[in-house]
């Protein structure tokens, strides 16, 4: 929650994850390349998508591989789908907008 997977990590000091059985509220705000990740009302991460720093992080990650860039530079599409990820554990989502 609140992470740009394998590239930008959240500020763990600001993260408050609710206990099992309670919902967490996650929000991603995107405005002209500026991205913010919010978790339970606290901003835990922000970065500039498409910036030189972003491109360098992509170069140093698994996302530099050709299969992640068949439709253009990784993470820079103007529009697309919301992708939800888990690591094999039971997970539930609700009210996705």
PDB file of N, CA and C in Angstrom:
ATOM      1  N   UNK A   1       0.834  -1.185   0.000  1.00  0.00           N
ATOM      2  CA  UNK A   1       0.000   0.000   0.000  1.00  0.00           C
ATOM      3  C   UNK A   1       0.877   1.246   0.000  1.00  0.00           C
ATOM      4  N   UNK A   2       0.521   2.169  -0.870  1.00  0.00           N
ATOM      5  CA  UNK A   2       1.232   3.436  -0.890  1.00  0.00           C
ATOM      6  C   UNK A   2       2.642   3.334  -1.399  1.00  0.00           C
ATOM      7  N   UNK A   3       2.843   2.563  -2.483  1.00  0.00           N
ATOM      8  CA  UNK A   3       4.191   2.385  -2.992  1.00  0.00           C
ATOM      9  C   UNK A   3       4.164   2.352  -4.514  1.00  0.00           C
ATOM     10  N   UNK A   4       5.201   2.895  -5.129  1.00  0.00           N
ATOM     11  CA  UNK A   4       5.427   2.758  -6.563  1.00  0.00           C
ATOM     12  C   UNK A   4       6.344   1.549  -6.685  1.00  0.00           C
ATOM     13  N   UNK A   5       5.777   0.382  -6.852  1.00  0.00           N
ATOM     14  CA  UNK A   5       6.427  -0.919  -6.683  1.00  0.00           C
ATOM     15  C   UNK A   5       7.835  -0.964  -7.249  1.00  0.00           C
ATOM     16  N   UNK A   6       8.779  -1.358  -6.415  1.00  0.00           N
ATOM     17  CA  UNK A   6      10.184  -1.566  -6.761  1.00  0.00           C
ATOM     18  C   UNK A   6      10.911  -0.285  -7.164  1.00  0.00           C
ATOM     19  N   UNK A   7      10.276   0.878  -6.981  1.00  0.00           N
ATOM     20  CA  UNK A   7      10.951   2.124  -7.346  1.00  0.00           C
ATOM     21  C   UNK A   7      10.916   3.149  -6.223  1.00  0.00           C
ATOM     22  N   UNK A   8       9.744   3.581  -5.820  1.00  0.00           N
ATOM     23  CA  UNK A   8       9.605   4.567  -4.740  1.00  0.00           C
ATOM     24  C   UNK A   8       8.970   3.883  -3.537  1.00  0.00           C
ATOM     25  N   UNK A   9       9.604   4.010  -2.395  1.00  0.00           N
ATOM     26  CA  UNK A   9       9.075   3.427  -1.166  1.00  0.00           C
ATOM     27  C   UNK A   9       8.381   4.495  -0.334  1.00  0.00           C
ATOM     28  N   UNK A  10       7.364   4.108   0.422  1.00  0.00           N
ATOM     29  CA  UNK A  10       6.649   5.086   1.242  1.00  0.00           C
ATOM     30  C   UNK A  10       7.447   5.494   2.473  1.00  0.00           C
ATOM     31  N   UNK A  11       7.040   6.602   3.074  1.00  0.00           N
ATOM     32  CA  UNK A  11       7.595   7.039   4.350  1.00  0.00           C
ATOM     33  C   UNK A  11       6.943   6.184   5.436  1.00  0.00           C
ATOM     34  N   UNK A  12       7.650   5.159   5.890  1.00  0.00           N
ATOM     35  CA  UNK A  12       7.076   4.205   6.844  1.00  0.00           C
ATOM     36  C   UNK A  12       6.705   4.852   8.171  1.00  0.00           C
ATOM     37  N   UNK A  13       7.351   5.965   8.502  1.00  0.00           N
ATOM     38  CA  UNK A  13       7.030   6.656   9.753  1.00  0.00           C
ATOM     39  C   UNK A  13       5.606   7.223   9.700  1.00  0.00           C
ATOM     40  N   UNK A  14       5.110   7.507   8.498  1.00  0.00           N
ATOM     41  CA  UNK A  14       3.767   8.069   8.344  1.00  0.00           C
ATOM     42  C   UNK A  14       2.711   6.989   8.121  1.00  0.00           C
ATOM     43  N   UNK A  15       3.142   5.761   7.868  1.00  0.00           N
ATOM     44  CA  UNK A  15       2.187   4.698   7.541  1.00  0.00           C
ATOM     45  C   UNK A  15       1.520   4.148   8.795  1.00  0.00           C
ATOM     46  N   UNK A  16       0.201   4.098   8.733  1.00  0.00           N
ATOM     47  CA  UNK A  16      -0.574   3.441   9.776  1.00  0.00           C
ATOM     48  C   UNK A  16      -1.507   2.476   9.071  1.00  0.00           C
ATOM     49  N   UNK A  17      -1.178   1.193   9.158  1.00  0.00           N
ATOM     50  CA  UNK A  17      -1.990   0.164   8.526  1.00  0.00           C
ATOM     51  C   UNK A  17      -2.961  -0.369   9.569  1.00  0.00           C
ATOM     52  N   UNK A  18      -4.228  -0.433   9.199  1.00  0.00           N
ATOM     53  CA  UNK A  18      -5.236  -0.942  10.117  1.00  0.00           C
ATOM     54  C   UNK A  18      -5.059  -2.447  10.336  1.00  0.00           C
ATOM     55  N   UNK A  19      -5.476  -2.942  11.495  1.00  0.00           N
ATOM     56  CA  UNK A  19      -5.319  -4.371  11.780  1.00  0.00           C
ATOM     57  C   UNK A  19      -6.184  -5.240  10.864  1.00  0.00           C
ATOM     58  N   UNK A  20      -5.803  -6.498  10.764  1.00  0.00           N
ATOM     59  CA  UNK A  20      -6.545  -7.451   9.952  1.00  0.00           C
ATOM     60  C   UNK A  20      -8.018  -7.412  10.341  1.00  0.00           C
ATOM     61  N   UNK A  21      -8.878  -7.431   9.333  1.00  0.00           N
ATOM     62  CA  UNK A  21     -10.319  -7.372   9.575  1.00  0.00           C
ATOM     63  C   UNK A  21     -10.896  -5.972   9.445  1.00  0.00           C
ATOM     64  N   UNK A  22     -10.034  -4.948   9.396  1.00  0.00           N
ATOM     65  CA  UNK A  22     -10.476  -3.568   9.202  1.00  0.00           C
ATOM     66  C   UNK A  22      -9.979  -3.084   7.844  1.00  0.00           C
ATOM     67  N   UNK A  23     -10.790  -2.259   7.189  1.00  0.00           N
ATOM     68  CA  UNK A  23     -10.413  -1.729   5.891  1.00  0.00           C
ATOM     69  C   UNK A  23      -9.357  -0.638   6.024  1.00  0.00           C
ATOM     70  N   UNK A  24      -8.466  -0.568   5.048  1.00  0.00           N
ATOM     71  CA  UNK A  24      -7.553   0.557   4.882  1.00  0.00           C
ATOM     72  C   UNK A  24      -8.093   1.401   3.739  1.00  0.00           C
ATOM     73  N   UNK A  25      -7.843   2.704   3.796  1.00  0.00           N
ATOM     74  CA  UNK A  25      -8.269   3.619   2.752  1.00  0.00           C
ATOM     75  C   UNK A  25      -7.021   4.092   2.024  1.00  0.00           C
ATOM     76  N   UNK A  26      -6.945   3.800   0.741  1.00  0.00           N
ATOM     77  CA  UNK A  26      -5.795   4.191  -0.065  1.00  0.00           C
ATOM     78  C   UNK A  26      -6.257   5.105  -1.189  1.00  0.00           C
ATOM     79  N   UNK A  27      -5.491   6.154  -1.448  1.00  0.00           N
ATOM     80  CA  UNK A  27      -5.842   7.107  -2.497  1.00  0.00           C
ATOM     81  C   UNK A  27      -4.579   7.461  -3.261  1.00  0.00           C
ATOM     82  N   UNK A  28      -4.677   7.465  -4.580  1.00  0.00           N
ATOM     83  CA  UNK A  28      -3.573   7.915  -5.429  1.00  0.00           C
ATOM     84  C   UNK A  28      -4.058   9.150  -6.167  1.00  0.00           C
ATOM     85  N   UNK A  29      -3.311  10.238  -6.036  1.00  0.00           N
ATOM     86  CA  UNK A  29      -3.648  11.503  -6.682  1.00  0.00           C
ATOM     87  C   UNK A  29      -2.617  11.754  -7.775  1.00  0.00           C
ATOM     88  N   UNK A  30      -3.108  12.054  -8.978  1.00  0.00           N
ATOM     89  CA  UNK A  30      -2.222  12.355 -10.101  1.00  0.00           C
ATOM     90  C   UNK A  30      -2.611  13.699 -10.676  1.00  0.00           C
ATOM     91  N   UNK A  31      -1.650  14.607 -10.781  1.00  0.00           N
ATOM     92  CA  UNK A  31      -1.911  15.931 -11.337  1.00  0.00           C
ATOM     93  C   UNK A  31      -0.719  16.357 -12.184  1.00  0.00           C
ATOM     94  N   UNK A  32      -0.883  16.258 -13.497  1.00  0.00           N
ATOM     95  CA  UNK A  32       0.140  16.729 -14.436  1.00  0.00           C
ATOM     96  C   UNK A  32       1.532  16.166 -14.135  1.00  0.00           C
ATOM     97  N   UNK A  33       1.616  14.888 -13.853  1.00  0.00           N
ATOM     98  CA  UNK A  33       2.896  14.229 -13.597  1.00  0.00           C
ATOM     99  C   UNK A  33       3.251  14.096 -12.130  1.00  0.00           C
ATOM    100  N   UNK A  34       2.635  14.883 -11.272  1.00  0.00           N
ATOM    101  CA  UNK A  34       2.891  14.785  -9.829  1.00  0.00           C
ATOM    102  C   UNK A  34       1.994  13.703  -9.252  1.00  0.00           C
ATOM    103  N   UNK A  35       2.596  12.741  -8.549  1.00  0.00           N
ATOM    104  CA  UNK A  35       1.853  11.611  -7.997  1.00  0.00           C
ATOM    105  C   UNK A  35       1.978  11.622  -6.479  1.00  0.00           C
ATOM    106  N   UNK A  36       0.852  11.426  -5.803  1.00  0.00           N
ATOM    107  CA  UNK A  36       0.826  11.296  -4.345  1.00  0.00           C
ATOM    108  C   UNK A  36       0.102  10.007  -3.985  1.00  0.00           C
ATOM    109  N   UNK A  37       0.652   9.278  -3.026  1.00  0.00           N
ATOM    110  CA  UNK A  37       0.003   8.092  -2.469  1.00  0.00           C
ATOM    111  C   UNK A  37      -0.390   8.422  -1.032  1.00  0.00           C
ATOM    112  N   UNK A  38      -1.651   8.193  -0.710  1.00  0.00           N
ATOM    113  CA  UNK A  38      -2.198   8.451   0.613  1.00  0.00           C
ATOM    114  C   UNK A  38      -2.682   7.146   1.216  1.00  0.00           C
ATOM    115  N   UNK A  39      -2.448   6.953   2.498  1.00  0.00           N
ATOM    116  CA  UNK A  39      -2.915   5.760   3.202  1.00  0.00           C
ATOM    117  C   UNK A  39      -3.570   6.197   4.502  1.00  0.00           C
ATOM    118  N   UNK A  40      -4.837   5.871   4.649  1.00  0.00           N
ATOM    119  CA  UNK A  40      -5.605   6.203   5.850  1.00  0.00           C
ATOM    120  C   UNK A  40      -5.463   7.673   6.236  1.00  0.00           C
ATOM    121  N   UNK A  41      -5.570   8.536   5.212  1.00  0.00           N
ATOM    122  CA  UNK A  41      -5.574   9.974   5.445  1.00  0.00           C
ATOM    123  C   UNK A  41      -4.218  10.640   5.568  1.00  0.00           C
ATOM    124  N   UNK A  42      -3.120   9.887   5.405  1.00  0.00           N
ATOM    125  CA  UNK A  42      -1.778  10.480   5.508  1.00  0.00           C
ATOM    126  C   UNK A  42      -1.017  10.263   4.204  1.00  0.00           C
ATOM    127  N   UNK A  43      -0.393  11.330   3.711  1.00  0.00           N
ATOM    128  CA  UNK A  43       0.426  11.210   2.501  1.00  0.00           C
ATOM    129  C   UNK A  43       1.696  10.456   2.864  1.00  0.00           C
ATOM    130  N   UNK A  44       1.942   9.331   2.174  1.00  0.00           N
ATOM    131  CA  UNK A  44       3.094   8.490   2.503  1.00  0.00           C
ATOM    132  C   UNK A  44       4.152   8.490   1.403  1.00  0.00           C
ATOM    133  N   UNK A  45       3.817   9.062   0.232  1.00  0.00           N
ATOM    134  CA  UNK A  45       4.768   9.050  -0.881  1.00  0.00           C
ATOM    135  C   UNK A  45       4.361  10.083  -1.913  1.00  0.00           C
ATOM    136  N   UNK A  46       5.341  10.752  -2.510  1.00  0.00           N
ATOM    137  CA  UNK A  46       5.080  11.600  -3.669  1.00  0.00           C
ATOM    138  C   UNK A  46       6.300  11.600  -4.570  1.00  0.00           C
ATOM    139  N   UNK A  47       6.061  11.716  -5.870  1.00  0.00           N
ATOM    140  CA  UNK A  47       7.137  11.732  -6.857  1.00  0.00           C
ATOM    141  C   UNK A  47       6.612  12.346  -8.147  1.00  0.00           C
ATOM    142  N   UNK A  48       7.524  12.621  -9.060  1.00  0.00           N
ATOM    143  CA  UNK A  48       7.175  13.189 -10.361  1.00  0.00           C
ATOM    144  C   UNK A  48       7.321  12.102 -11.420  1.00  0.00           C
ATOM    145  N   UNK A  49       6.195  11.655 -11.954  1.00  0.00           N
ATOM    146  CA  UNK A  49       6.213  10.640 -13.003  1.00  0.00           C
ATOM    147  C   UNK A  49       6.813  11.237 -14.272  1.00  0.00           C
ATOM    148  N   UNK A  50       7.739  10.519 -14.896  1.00  0.00           N
ATOM    149  CA  UNK A  50       8.374  10.985 -16.119  1.00  0.00           C
ATOM    150  C   UNK A  50       9.563  11.889 -15.897  1.00  0.00           C
ATOM    151  N   UNK A  51       9.865  12.223 -14.632  1.00  0.00           N
ATOM    152  CA  UNK A  51      11.034  13.071 -14.340  1.00  0.00           C
ATOM    153  C   UNK A  51      12.316  12.285 -14.618  1.00  0.00           C
ATOM    154  N   UNK A  52      13.452  12.980 -14.618  1.00  0.00           N
ATOM    155  CA  UNK A  52      14.739  12.303 -14.818  1.00  0.00           C
ATOM    156  C   UNK A  52      14.964  11.265 -13.710  1.00  0.00           C
ATOM    157  N   UNK A  53      14.610  11.604 -12.463  1.00  0.00           N
ATOM    158  CA  UNK A  53      14.750  10.649 -11.359  1.00  0.00           C
ATOM    159  C   UNK A  53      13.902   9.404 -11.621  1.00  0.00           C
ATOM    160  N   UNK A  54      12.664   9.603 -12.066  1.00  0.00           N
ATOM    161  CA  UNK A  54      11.766   8.487 -12.369  1.00  0.00           C
ATOM    162  C   UNK A  54      12.387   7.600 -13.454  1.00  0.00           C
ATOM    163  N   UNK A  55      12.882   8.225 -14.531  1.00  0.00           N
ATOM    164  CA  UNK A  55      13.483   7.470 -15.638  1.00  0.00           C
ATOM    165  C   UNK A  55      14.723   6.697 -15.185  1.00  0.00           C
ATOM    166  N   UNK A  56      15.523   7.274 -14.303  1.00  0.00           N
ATOM    167  CA  UNK A  56      16.706   6.576 -13.776  1.00  0.00           C
ATOM    168  C   UNK A  56      16.296   5.379 -12.924  1.00  0.00           C
ATOM    169  N   UNK A  57      15.255   5.534 -12.128  1.00  0.00           N
ATOM    170  CA  UNK A  57      14.764   4.413 -11.326  1.00  0.00           C
ATOM    171  C   UNK A  57      14.248   3.288 -12.222  1.00  0.00           C
ATOM    172  N   UNK A  58      13.566   3.644 -13.299  1.00  0.00           N
ATOM    173  CA  UNK A  58      13.101   2.623 -14.250  1.00  0.00           C
ATOM    174  C   UNK A  58      14.297   1.900 -14.849  1.00  0.00           C
ATOM    175  N   UNK A  59      15.324   2.654 -15.274  1.00  0.00           N
ATOM    176  CA  UNK A  59      16.530   2.047 -15.874  1.00  0.00           C
ATOM    177  C   UNK A  59      17.174   1.026 -14.953  1.00  0.00           C
ATOM    178  N   UNK A  60      17.137   1.276 -13.650  1.00  0.00           N
ATOM    179  CA  UNK A  60      17.773   0.394 -12.682  1.00  0.00           C
ATOM    180  C   UNK A  60      16.846  -0.681 -12.133  1.00  0.00           C
ATOM    181  N   UNK A  61      15.675  -0.837 -12.732  1.00  0.00           N
ATOM    182  CA  UNK A  61      14.699  -1.798 -12.209  1.00  0.00           C
ATOM    183  C   UNK A  61      14.383  -2.864 -13.254  1.00  0.00           C
ATOM    184  N   UNK A  62      13.567  -3.823 -12.851  1.00  0.00           N
ATOM    185  CA  UNK A  62      13.127  -4.854 -13.792  1.00  0.00           C
ATOM    186  C   UNK A  62      12.285  -4.252 -14.910  1.00  0.00           C
ATOM    187  N   UNK A  63      11.755  -3.047 -14.703  1.00  0.00           N
ATOM    188  CA  UNK A  63      10.893  -2.403 -15.687  1.00  0.00           C
ATOM    189  C   UNK A  63      11.652  -1.842 -16.889  1.00  0.00           C
ATOM    190  N   UNK A  64      12.975  -1.950 -16.885  1.00  0.00           N
ATOM    191  CA  UNK A  64      13.768  -1.561 -18.048  1.00  0.00           C
ATOM    192  C   UNK A  64      13.700  -2.630 -19.137  1.00  0.00           C
ATOM    193  N   UNK A  65      13.280  -3.845 -18.788  1.00  0.00           N
ATOM    194  CA  UNK A  65      13.227  -4.958 -19.752  1.00  0.00           C
ATOM    195  C   UNK A  65      12.237  -4.636 -20.872  1.00  0.00           C
ATOM    196  N   UNK A  66      12.539  -5.058 -22.084  1.00  0.00           N
ATOM    197  CA  UNK A  66      11.677  -4.743 -23.239  1.00  0.00           C
ATOM    198  C   UNK A  66      10.209  -5.118 -23.055  1.00  0.00           C
ATOM    199  N   UNK A  67       9.932  -6.218 -22.379  1.00  0.00           N
ATOM    200  CA  UNK A  67       8.534  -6.644 -22.249  1.00  0.00           C
ATOM    201  C   UNK A  67       7.689  -5.663 -21.438  1.00  0.00           C
ATOM    202  N   UNK A  68       8.320  -4.800 -20.647  1.00  0.00           N
ATOM    203  CA  UNK A  68       7.573  -3.795 -19.886  1.00  0.00           C
ATOM    204  C   UNK A  68       7.413  -2.489 -20.662  1.00  0.00           C
ATOM    205  N   UNK A  69       7.976  -2.426 -21.855  1.00  0.00           N
ATOM    206  CA  UNK A  69       7.988  -1.179 -22.610  1.00  0.00           C
ATOM    207  C   UNK A  69       7.426  -1.320 -24.027  1.00  0.00           C
ATOM    208  N   UNK A  70       6.641  -2.346 -24.268  1.00  0.00           N
ATOM    209  CA  UNK A  70       6.115  -2.586 -25.611  1.00  0.00           C
ATOM    210  C   UNK A  70       5.137  -1.505 -26.068  1.00  0.00           C
ATOM    211  N   UNK A  71       4.498  -0.815 -25.136  1.00  0.00           N
ATOM    212  CA  UNK A  71       3.535   0.237 -25.488  1.00  0.00           C
ATOM    213  C   UNK A  71       4.075   1.627 -25.204  1.00  0.00           C
ATOM    214  N   UNK A  72       5.383   1.744 -25.030  1.00  0.00           N
ATOM    215  CA  UNK A  72       5.999   3.028 -24.716  1.00  0.00           C
ATOM    216  C   UNK A  72       6.762   2.925 -23.411  1.00  0.00           C
ATOM    217  N   UNK A  73       7.426   4.002 -23.001  1.00  0.00           N
ATOM    218  CA  UNK A  73       8.233   3.969 -21.780  1.00  0.00           C
ATOM    219  C   UNK A  73       7.403   3.570 -20.556  1.00  0.00           C
ATOM    220  N   UNK A  74       7.947   2.667 -19.755  1.00  0.00           N
ATOM    221  CA  UNK A  74       7.243   2.156 -18.587  1.00  0.00           C
ATOM    222  C   UNK A  74       6.770   3.296 -17.690  1.00  0.00           C
ATOM    223  N   UNK A  75       5.504   3.221 -17.279  1.00  0.00           N
ATOM    224  CA  UNK A  75       4.949   4.159 -16.312  1.00  0.00           C
ATOM    225  C   UNK A  75       4.641   5.537 -16.841  1.00  0.00           C
ATOM    226  N   UNK A  76       4.697   5.727 -18.166  1.00  0.00           N
ATOM    227  CA  UNK A  76       4.473   7.061 -18.712  1.00  0.00           C
ATOM    228  C   UNK A  76       3.278   7.142 -19.652  1.00  0.00           C
ATOM    229  N   UNK A  77       2.433   6.115 -19.683  1.00  0.00           N
ATOM    230  CA  UNK A  77       1.251   6.151 -20.552  1.00  0.00           C
ATOM    231  C   UNK A  77       0.294   7.252 -20.100  1.00  0.00           C
ATOM    232  N   UNK A  78      -0.323   7.914 -21.057  1.00  0.00           N
ATOM    233  CA  UNK A  78      -1.259   8.995 -20.735  1.00  0.00           C
ATOM    234  C   UNK A  78      -2.551   8.468 -20.117  1.00  0.00           C
ATOM    235  N   UNK A  79      -2.927   7.230 -20.443  1.00  0.00           N
ATOM    236  CA  UNK A  79      -4.110   6.616 -19.848  1.00  0.00           C
ATOM    237  C   UNK A  79      -3.921   5.107 -19.861  1.00  0.00           C
ATOM    238  N   UNK A  80      -4.729   4.426 -19.062  1.00  0.00           N
ATOM    239  CA  UNK A  80      -4.606   2.975 -18.993  1.00  0.00           C
ATOM    240  C   UNK A  80      -5.547   2.394 -17.965  1.00  0.00           C
ATOM    241  N   UNK A  81      -5.189   1.239 -17.462  1.00  0.00           N
ATOM    242  CA  UNK A  81      -6.028   0.505 -16.526  1.00  0.00           C
ATOM    243  C   UNK A  81      -5.491   0.628 -15.101  1.00  0.00           C
ATOM    244  N   UNK A  82      -6.373   0.460 -14.135  1.00  0.00           N
ATOM    245  CA  UNK A  82      -5.968   0.337 -12.738  1.00  0.00           C
ATOM    246  C   UNK A  82      -5.581  -1.120 -12.524  1.00  0.00           C
ATOM    247  N   UNK A  83      -4.387  -1.363 -12.037  1.00  0.00           N
ATOM    248  CA  UNK A  83      -3.916  -2.717 -11.775  1.00  0.00           C
ATOM    249  C   UNK A  83      -3.785  -2.918 -10.273  1.00  0.00           C
ATOM    250  N   UNK A  84      -4.326  -4.010  -9.780  1.00  0.00           N
ATOM    251  CA  UNK A  84      -4.256  -4.346  -8.360  1.00  0.00           C
ATOM    252  C   UNK A  84      -3.383  -5.587  -8.206  1.00  0.00           C
ATOM    253  N   UNK A  85      -2.537  -5.583  -7.207  1.00  0.00           N
ATOM    254  CA  UNK A  85      -1.562  -6.655  -7.051  1.00  0.00           C
ATOM    255  C   UNK A  85      -1.607  -7.228  -5.644  1.00  0.00           C
ATOM    256  N   UNK A  86      -1.366  -8.512  -5.561  1.00  0.00           N
ATOM    257  CA  UNK A  86      -1.178  -9.157  -4.260  1.00  0.00           C
ATOM    258  C   UNK A  86      -0.051 -10.171  -4.420  1.00  0.00           C
ATOM    259  N   UNK A  87       0.341 -10.787  -3.354  1.00  0.00           N
ATOM    260  CA  UNK A  87       1.457 -11.741  -3.389  1.00  0.00           C
ATOM    261  C   UNK A  87       1.015 -13.129  -2.951  1.00  0.00           C
ATOM    262  N   UNK A  88      -0.179 -13.521  -3.358  1.00  0.00           N
ATOM    263  CA  UNK A  88      -0.651 -14.869  -3.092  1.00  0.00           C
ATOM    264  C   UNK A  88      -1.465 -15.033  -1.822  1.00  0.00           C
ATOM    265  N   UNK A  89      -1.606 -13.974  -1.049  1.00  0.00           N
ATOM    266  CA  UNK A  89      -2.424 -14.033   0.164  1.00  0.00           C
ATOM    267  C   UNK A  89      -3.852 -13.624  -0.175  1.00  0.00           C
ATOM    268  N   UNK A  90      -4.788 -13.994   0.697  1.00  0.00           N
ATOM    269  CA  UNK A  90      -6.169 -13.564   0.495  1.00  0.00           C
ATOM    270  C   UNK A  90      -6.221 -12.050   0.643  1.00  0.00           C
ATOM    271  N   UNK A  91      -6.926 -11.403  -0.284  1.00  0.00           N
ATOM    272  CA  UNK A  91      -7.004  -9.941  -0.294  1.00  0.00           C
ATOM    273  C   UNK A  91      -8.390  -9.543  -0.769  1.00  0.00           C
ATOM    274  N   UNK A  92      -8.906  -8.414  -0.288  1.00  0.00           N
ATOM    275  CA  UNK A  92     -10.215  -7.909  -0.711  1.00  0.00           C
ATOM    276  C   UNK A  92     -10.083  -6.434  -1.039  1.00  0.00           C
ATOM    277  N   UNK A  93     -10.858  -6.008  -2.031  1.00  0.00           N
ATOM    278  CA  UNK A  93     -10.893  -4.607  -2.434  1.00  0.00           C
ATOM    279  C   UNK A  93     -12.352  -4.167  -2.475  1.00  0.00           C
ATOM    280  N   UNK A  94     -12.610  -2.895  -2.193  1.00  0.00           N
ATOM    281  CA  UNK A  94     -13.969  -2.377  -2.320  1.00  0.00           C
ATOM    282  C   UNK A  94     -13.910  -0.906  -2.716  1.00  0.00           C
ATOM    283  N   UNK A  95     -14.982  -0.425  -3.326  1.00  0.00           N
ATOM    284  CA  UNK A  95     -15.145   0.986  -3.694  1.00  0.00           C
ATOM    285  C   UNK A  95     -13.978   1.533  -4.511  1.00  0.00           C
ATOM    286  N   UNK A  96     -13.582   0.813  -5.539  1.00  0.00           N
ATOM    287  CA  UNK A  96     -12.485   1.272  -6.401  1.00  0.00           C
ATOM    288  C   UNK A  96     -13.055   2.252  -7.425  1.00  0.00           C
ATOM    289  N   UNK A  97     -12.456   3.444  -7.442  1.00  0.00           N
ATOM    290  CA  UNK A  97     -12.931   4.493  -8.349  1.00  0.00           C
ATOM    291  C   UNK A  97     -11.767   5.088  -9.081  1.00  0.00           C
TER     292      UNK A  97
END
